C-alpha atoms as a PDB file:
ATOM      1  CA  MET A   1     -46.942  31.303   6.893  1.00  0.00           C
ATOM      2  CA  GLY A   2     -44.586  29.675   9.802  1.00  0.00           C
ATOM      3  CA  ALA A   3     -45.726  26.278   8.905  1.00  0.00           C
ATOM      4  CA  LYS A   4     -45.472  26.605   5.041  1.00  0.00           C
ATOM      5  CA  HIS A   5     -42.098  27.880   5.791  1.00  0.00           C
ATOM      6  CA  TYR A   6     -40.872  25.176   8.053  1.00  0.00           C
ATOM      7  CA  GLU A   7     -42.411  22.508   5.355  1.00  0.00           C
ATOM      8  CA  ASP A   8     -40.326  24.043   2.401  1.00  0.00           C
ATOM      9  CA  HIS A   9     -37.065  23.484   4.730  1.00  0.00           C
ATOM     10  CA  SER A  10     -37.670  20.152   5.847  1.00  0.00           C
ATOM     11  CA  CYS A  11     -38.268  18.857   2.181  1.00  0.00           C
ATOM     12  CA  PHE A  12     -35.148  20.511   1.310  1.00  0.00           C
ATOM     13  CA  ILE A  13     -33.105  19.260   4.321  1.00  0.00           C
ATOM     14  CA  ALA A  14     -34.447  15.770   3.837  1.00  0.00           C
ATOM     15  CA  MET A  15     -33.463  15.676  -0.007  1.00  0.00           C
ATOM     16  CA  LEU A  16     -30.031  16.861   1.280  1.00  0.00           C
ATOM     17  CA  VAL A  17     -29.675  13.883   3.817  1.00  0.00           C
ATOM     18  CA  LEU A  18     -30.776  11.332   1.468  1.00  0.00           C
ATOM     19  CA  TYR A  19     -28.624  12.556  -1.564  1.00  0.00           C
ATOM     20  CA  ASN A  20     -25.352  12.761   0.107  1.00  0.00           C
ATOM     21  CA  PRO A  21     -24.899   9.483   1.651  1.00  0.00           C
ATOM     22  CA  ILE A  22     -25.982   7.780  -1.696  1.00  0.00           C
ATOM     23  CA  LYS A  23     -23.424   9.563  -3.621  1.00  0.00           C
ATOM     24  CA  LYS A  24     -20.651   8.818  -0.729  1.00  0.00           C
ATOM     25  CA  ALA A  25     -21.548   5.182  -0.631  1.00  0.00           C
ATOM     26  CA  GLU A  26     -21.090   4.710  -4.615  1.00  0.00           C
ATOM     27  CA  ALA A  27     -17.552   6.588  -4.177  1.00  0.00           C
ATOM     28  CA  LEU A  28     -16.383   4.306  -1.767  1.00  0.00           C
ATOM     29  CA  ASP A  29     -17.416   0.781  -3.337  1.00  0.00           C
ATOM     30  CA  ALA A  30     -14.302  -0.243  -4.680  1.00  0.00           C
ATOM     31  CA  LEU A  31     -15.874  -3.228  -6.537  1.00  0.00           C
ATOM     32  CA  ILE A  32     -18.038  -1.080  -8.677  1.00  0.00           C
ATOM     33  CA  ILE A  33     -15.059   1.282  -9.259  1.00  0.00           C
ATOM     34  CA  LEU A  34     -12.921  -1.842 -10.378  1.00  0.00           C
ATOM     35  CA  LYS A  35     -15.592  -2.887 -12.429  1.00  0.00           C
ATOM     36  CA  ARG A  36     -15.977   0.161 -14.012  1.00  0.00           C
ATOM     37  CA  ASP A  37     -12.585   1.115 -14.790  1.00  0.00           C
ATOM     38  CA  SER A  38     -11.324  -2.255 -15.507  1.00  0.00           C
ATOM     39  CA  GLY A  39     -14.398  -3.761 -17.335  1.00  0.00           C
ATOM     40  CA  ALA A  40     -14.543  -7.498 -18.111  1.00  0.00           C
ATOM     41  CA  ALA A  41     -10.909  -7.985 -16.821  1.00  0.00           C
ATOM     42  CA  ILE A  42     -12.356  -8.029 -13.459  1.00  0.00           C
ATOM     43  CA  GLU A  43     -13.691 -11.491 -12.477  1.00  0.00           C
ATOM     44  CA  VAL A  44     -15.438 -11.941  -9.145  1.00  0.00           C
ATOM     45  CA  ILE A  45     -15.577 -15.778  -8.326  1.00  0.00           C
ATOM     46  CA  SER A  46     -16.850 -15.384  -4.779  1.00  0.00           C
ATOM     47  CA  GLU A  47     -16.812 -12.962  -1.997  1.00  0.00           C
ATOM     48  CA  ARG A  48     -13.440 -14.261  -1.341  1.00  0.00           C
ATOM     49  CA  GLU A  49     -11.853 -14.331  -4.610  1.00  0.00           C
ATOM     50  CA  ILE A  50     -11.209 -11.857  -7.339  1.00  0.00           C
ATOM     51  CA  ARG A  51      -9.140 -12.128 -10.493  1.00  0.00           C
ATOM     52  CA  TYR A  52      -7.815  -9.364 -12.688  1.00  0.00           C
ATOM     53  CA  CYS A  53      -7.351 -10.969 -16.146  1.00  0.00           C
ATOM     54  CA  PRO A  54      -6.695  -8.342 -18.646  1.00  0.00           C
ATOM     55  CA  ASP A  55      -5.663 -11.181 -21.105  1.00  0.00           C
ATOM     56  CA  ASN A  56      -5.359 -14.775 -20.928  1.00  0.00           C
ATOM     57  CA  THR A  57      -3.024 -14.330 -17.712  1.00  0.00           C
ATOM     58  CA  CYS A  58      -4.526 -13.316 -14.282  1.00  0.00           C
ATOM     59  CA  GLU A  59      -3.652 -12.399 -11.009  1.00  0.00           C
ATOM     60  CA  ILE A  60      -5.416 -13.975  -8.259  1.00  0.00           C
ATOM     61  CA  PHE A  61      -6.625 -12.377  -4.934  1.00  0.00           C
ATOM     62  CA  ARG A  62      -7.881 -15.355  -2.507  1.00  0.00           C
ATOM     63  CA  MET A  63      -8.951 -15.149   1.057  1.00  0.00           C
ATOM     64  CA  GLN A  64      -9.072 -18.343   2.918  1.00  0.00           C
ATOM     65  CA  MET A  65     -11.891 -16.960   5.291  1.00  0.00           C
ATOM     66  CA  SER A  66     -14.965 -14.433   4.976  1.00  0.00           C
ATOM     67  CA  ARG A  67     -13.804 -12.208   7.772  1.00  0.00           C
ATOM     68  CA  ASN A  68     -13.488  -8.673   6.374  1.00  0.00           C
ATOM     69  CA  SER A  69     -14.282 -10.086   2.859  1.00  0.00           C
ATOM     70  CA  SER A  70     -16.207  -6.406   2.040  1.00  0.00           C
ATOM     71  CA  TYR A  71     -12.693  -5.006   1.938  1.00  0.00           C
ATOM     72  CA  LEU A  72     -11.079  -7.565  -0.684  1.00  0.00           C
ATOM     73  CA  PRO A  73     -12.073  -5.311  -3.375  1.00  0.00           C
ATOM     74  CA  SER A  74     -10.270  -2.009  -1.750  1.00  0.00           C
ATOM     75  CA  PHE A  75      -7.427  -4.509  -1.456  1.00  0.00           C
ATOM     76  CA  VAL A  76      -7.353  -5.437  -5.200  1.00  0.00           C
ATOM     77  CA  PHE A  77      -8.084  -1.933  -6.368  1.00  0.00           C
ATOM     78  CA  LEU A  78      -4.770  -0.561  -4.051  1.00  0.00           C
ATOM     79  CA  HIS A  79      -2.620  -3.524  -5.380  1.00  0.00           C
ATOM     80  CA  LEU A  80      -3.501  -3.011  -8.951  1.00  0.00           C
ATOM     81  CA  PHE A  81      -3.051   0.681  -8.712  1.00  0.00           C
ATOM     82  CA  HIS A  82       0.112   0.620  -6.720  1.00  0.00           C
ATOM     83  CA  GLN A  83       1.993  -2.576  -6.909  1.00  0.00           C
ATOM     84  CA  SER A  84       0.671  -4.960  -9.893  1.00  0.00           C
ATOM     85  CA  GLY A  85       3.201  -4.828 -12.958  1.00  0.00           C
ATOM     86  CA  HIS A  86       0.494  -5.526 -15.557  1.00  0.00           C
ATOM     87  CA  ILE A  87       1.028  -3.321 -18.460  1.00  0.00           C
ATOM     88  CA  TYR A  88      -2.623  -3.165 -19.320  1.00  0.00           C
ATOM     89  CA  LEU A  89      -3.117  -0.938 -16.079  1.00  0.00           C
ATOM     90  CA  LYS A  90      -0.707   1.914 -17.198  1.00  0.00           C
ATOM     91  CA  GLU A  91      -1.019   2.133 -20.912  1.00  0.00           C
ATOM     92  CA  SER A  92      -3.849   2.490 -23.131  1.00  0.00           C
ATOM     93  CA  ILE A  93      -3.851  -0.338 -25.467  1.00  0.00           C
ATOM     94  CA  GLY A  94      -6.174  -0.758 -28.506  1.00  0.00           C
ATOM     95  CA  GLY A  95      -7.844   2.349 -28.024  1.00  0.00           C
ATOM     96  CA  SER A  96      -9.088   1.547 -24.336  1.00  0.00           C
ATOM     97  CA  GLN A  97      -8.260   3.606 -21.480  1.00  0.00           C
ATOM     98  CA  SER A  98      -5.682   2.646 -19.033  1.00  0.00           C
ATOM     99  CA  PHE A  99      -7.038   1.741 -15.372  1.00  0.00           C
ATOM    100  CA  LEU A 100      -4.794   4.248 -13.543  1.00  0.00           C
ATOM    101  CA  GLN A 101      -6.143   7.167 -15.548  1.00  0.00           C
ATOM    102  CA  PRO A 102      -9.908   6.984 -14.329  1.00  0.00           C
ATOM    103  CA  ALA A 103      -8.967   5.320 -11.034  1.00  0.00           C
ATOM    104  CA  ALA A 104      -6.384   8.205  -9.569  1.00  0.00           C
ATOM    105  CA  GLY A 105      -9.614  10.380  -9.031  1.00  0.00           C
ATOM    106  CA  ASN A 106     -10.829   7.444  -6.496  1.00  0.00           C
ATOM    107  CA  GLU A 107      -7.732   6.425  -4.991  1.00  0.00           C
ATOM    108  CA  PRO A 108      -7.685   8.659  -1.955  1.00  0.00           C
ATOM    109  CA  ALA A 109     -11.123   7.639  -1.108  1.00  0.00           C
ATOM    110  CA  VAL A 110     -10.502   3.802  -1.332  1.00  0.00           C
ATOM    111  CA  ARG A 111      -7.280   4.036   0.657  1.00  0.00           C
ATOM    112  CA  THR A 112      -8.827   6.078   3.319  1.00  0.00           C
ATOM    113  CA  GLN A 113     -11.698   3.522   3.707  1.00  0.00           C
ATOM    114  CA  VAL A 114      -8.940   0.859   4.478  1.00  0.00           C
ATOM    115  CA  VAL A 115      -5.939   3.038   6.413  1.00  0.00           C
ATOM    116  CA  GLY A 116      -7.085   1.431   9.724  1.00  0.00           C
ATOM    117  CA  PHE A 117      -5.340  -1.955   8.368  1.00  0.00           C
ATOM    118  CA  CYS A 118      -1.910  -0.164   9.041  1.00  0.00           C
ATOM    119  CA  LYS A 119      -1.072  -0.119  12.575  1.00  0.00           C
ATOM    120  CA  GLU A 120       2.271   1.944  12.012  1.00  0.00           C
ATOM    121  CA  ARG A 121       2.218   5.743  12.674  1.00  0.00           C
ATOM    122  CA  ASN A 122       3.100   6.469   9.007  1.00  0.00           C
ATOM    123  CA  LYS A 123       0.116   5.313   6.979  1.00  0.00           C
ATOM    124  CA  THR A 124       1.750   4.298   3.528  1.00  0.00           C
ATOM    125  CA  VAL A 125      -0.210   2.351   0.855  1.00  0.00           C
ATOM    126  CA  GLY A 126       2.626  -0.408   1.582  1.00  0.00           C
ATOM    127  CA  CYS A 127       1.680  -0.739   5.344  1.00  0.00           C
ATOM    128  CA  ILE A 128      -2.164  -0.534   4.451  1.00  0.00           C
ATOM    129  CA  LEU A 129      -1.657  -3.412   1.883  1.00  0.00           C
ATOM    130  CA  LYS A 130       0.687  -5.515   4.323  1.00  0.00           C
ATOM    131  CA  GLY A 131      -1.637  -5.117   7.006  1.00  0.00           C
ATOM    132  CA  MET A 132      -4.716  -6.164   4.976  1.00  0.00           C
ATOM    133  CA  ARG A 133      -2.797  -9.295   3.497  1.00  0.00           C
ATOM    134  CA  GLN A 134      -2.002 -10.200   7.177  1.00  0.00           C
ATOM    135  CA  GLU A 135      -5.447  -9.555   8.714  1.00  0.00           C
ATOM    136  CA  MET A 136      -7.330 -10.860   5.942  1.00  0.00           C
ATOM    137  CA  ASN A 137      -5.109 -13.796   5.025  1.00  0.00           C
ATOM    138  CA  ILE A 138      -4.929 -12.551   1.295  1.00  0.00           C
ATOM    139  CA  LYS A 139      -3.164 -14.918  -0.881  1.00  0.00           C
ATOM    140  CA  ILE A 140      -1.975 -13.471  -4.814  1.00  0.00           C
ATOM    141  CA  THR A 141      -1.401 -15.883  -7.059  1.00  0.00           C
ATOM    142  CA  ALA A 142      -0.905 -16.366 -10.860  1.00  0.00           C
ATOM    143  CA  GLY A 143      -3.259 -18.176 -13.517  1.00  0.00           C
ATOM    144  CA  ARG A 144      -3.907 -18.510 -17.157  1.00  0.00           C
ATOM    145  CA  TYR A 145      -6.511 -19.367 -19.418  1.00  0.00           C
ATOM    146  CA  ASP A 146      -5.382 -21.891 -21.743  1.00  0.00           C
ATOM    147  CA  GLU A 147      -6.978 -23.887 -24.455  1.00  0.00           C
ATOM    148  CA  GLY A 148     -10.520 -23.551 -22.703  1.00  0.00           C
ATOM    149  CA  ARG A 149      -9.520 -24.372 -19.127  1.00  0.00           C
ATOM    150  CA  PHE A 150      -7.775 -22.419 -16.309  1.00  0.00           C
ATOM    151  CA  ASP A 151      -4.580 -23.255 -14.732  1.00  0.00           C
ATOM    152  CA  GLU A 152      -3.255 -21.707 -11.654  1.00  0.00           C
ATOM    153  CA  SER A 153       0.351 -21.490 -10.420  1.00  0.00           C
END
């Protein structure tokens, strides 16, 4: 009876350990969240470049080096959530849901993942984004699809 009792608990514990990290990892993957909540508007060009193109205009997020490139989706997420001026992020247009509505539930987890980029005592989103831009050398530019070609300004 003792061995059977132990076997039942070890299986339960193994299931708990295996299930929870997978759930947490998915919740913190900013690229998955971006693609889910923005659909085709998110274009991943490379590990160092992501574009947000809700129409023929784009915000381009580009890093010069690959160092910390795994955090670029988190930067894009927080920038779009807090600082971007695109109307498509805030309003439901043409029956589609705005980015801010579904993203609001994930914002605290994404922010927590990159809070270490802020070196100040008060860990504001502005401080986090500024620290990420500096440490990761992120440039934000604009681009536009026009008559079959892409022009960057």
